[in-house]
Amino acid sequence: MPVIIDEVVISVEVSNQASGGSSMPPPPTEDRQALVAECVERVLDILREKEER
């Protein structure tokens, strides 16, 4: 009997000070906005690819 996985959720904590994470300051607002925009674009691309299947 085959097993079909519909969705995989992976969560990662990037900076955890208690675990010895780096103490880098957060990026400036402009860099953060660019990063968020790129992430949104990649997610939308993935969703478009799923709809085309």
C-alpha atoms as a PDB file:
ATOM      1  CA  MET A   1       0.000   0.000   0.000  1.00  0.00           C
ATOM      2  CA  PRO A   2       1.647   3.279  -1.096  1.00  0.00           C
ATOM      3  CA  VAL A   3       1.896   6.221   1.268  1.00  0.00           C
ATOM      4  CA  ILE A   4       1.134   9.642  -0.222  1.00  0.00           C
ATOM      5  CA  ILE A   5       2.391  12.776   1.525  1.00  0.00           C
ATOM      6  CA  ASP A   6       0.368  15.846   0.595  1.00  0.00           C
ATOM      7  CA  GLU A   7       2.211  18.427   2.638  1.00  0.00           C
ATOM      8  CA  VAL A   8       5.419  18.730   4.629  1.00  0.00           C
ATOM      9  CA  VAL A   9       5.843  21.531   7.144  1.00  0.00           C
ATOM     10  CA  ILE A  10       9.348  22.503   8.236  1.00  0.00           C
ATOM     11  CA  SER A  11       9.911  25.206  10.810  1.00  0.00           C
ATOM     12  CA  VAL A  12      13.277  26.641  11.748  1.00  0.00           C
ATOM     13  CA  GLU A  13      14.280  29.098  14.426  1.00  0.00           C
ATOM     14  CA  VAL A  14      17.040  31.209  12.911  1.00  0.00           C
ATOM     15  CA  SER A  15      18.435  33.043  15.909  1.00  0.00           C
ATOM     16  CA  ASN A  16      18.111  31.599  19.375  1.00  0.00           C
ATOM     17  CA  GLN A  17      20.243  33.517  21.874  1.00  0.00           C
ATOM     18  CA  ALA A  18      19.881  30.811  24.545  1.00  0.00           C
ATOM     19  CA  SER A  19      21.394  28.225  22.185  1.00  0.00           C
ATOM     20  CA  GLY A  20      24.394  30.345  21.334  1.00  0.00           C
ATOM     21  CA  GLY A  21      22.929  32.078  18.289  1.00  0.00           C
ATOM     22  CA  SER A  22      24.705  35.048  16.809  1.00  0.00           C
ATOM     23  CA  SER A  23      24.066  38.492  18.224  1.00  0.00           C
ATOM     24  CA  MET A  24      23.797  40.246  14.858  1.00  0.00           C
ATOM     25  CA  PRO A  25      21.481  43.256  14.799  1.00  0.00           C
ATOM     26  CA  PRO A  26      18.325  42.936  12.696  1.00  0.00           C
ATOM     27  CA  PRO A  27      18.716  44.095   9.091  1.00  0.00           C
ATOM     28  CA  PRO A  28      17.573  47.604   8.156  1.00  0.00           C
ATOM     29  CA  THR A  29      13.944  48.029   7.158  1.00  0.00           C
ATOM     30  CA  GLU A  30      14.752  48.286   3.437  1.00  0.00           C
ATOM     31  CA  ASP A  31      16.670  45.003   3.454  1.00  0.00           C
ATOM     32  CA  ARG A  32      13.895  43.324   5.423  1.00  0.00           C
ATOM     33  CA  GLN A  33      11.272  44.546   2.942  1.00  0.00           C
ATOM     34  CA  ALA A  34      13.327  43.236   0.016  1.00  0.00           C
ATOM     35  CA  LEU A  35      13.735  39.863   1.742  1.00  0.00           C
ATOM     36  CA  VAL A  36      10.000  39.602   2.453  1.00  0.00           C
ATOM     37  CA  ALA A  37       9.170  40.569  -1.141  1.00  0.00           C
ATOM     38  CA  GLU A  38      11.503  37.887  -2.501  1.00  0.00           C
ATOM     39  CA  CYS A  39      10.018  35.241  -0.184  1.00  0.00           C
ATOM     40  CA  VAL A  40       6.477  36.159  -1.216  1.00  0.00           C
ATOM     41  CA  GLU A  41       7.441  35.973  -4.890  1.00  0.00           C
ATOM     42  CA  ARG A  42       8.958  32.505  -4.462  1.00  0.00           C
ATOM     43  CA  VAL A  43       5.897  31.229  -2.599  1.00  0.00           C
ATOM     44  CA  LEU A  44       3.609  32.601  -5.325  1.00  0.00           C
ATOM     45  CA  ASP A  45       5.758  30.893  -7.983  1.00  0.00           C
ATOM     46  CA  ILE A  46       5.439  27.574  -6.150  1.00  0.00           C
ATOM     47  CA  LEU A  47       1.670  27.988  -5.873  1.00  0.00           C
ATOM     48  CA  ARG A  48       1.402  28.810  -9.593  1.00  0.00           C
ATOM     49  CA  GLU A  49       3.391  25.685 -10.442  1.00  0.00           C
ATOM     50  CA  LYS A  50       1.056  23.576  -8.285  1.00  0.00           C
ATOM     51  CA  GLU A  51      -2.006  25.004 -10.067  1.00  0.00           C
ATOM     52  CA  GLU A  52      -0.521  24.172 -13.471  1.00  0.00           C
ATOM     53  CA  ARG A  53      -0.162  20.473 -12.614  1.00  0.00           C
END
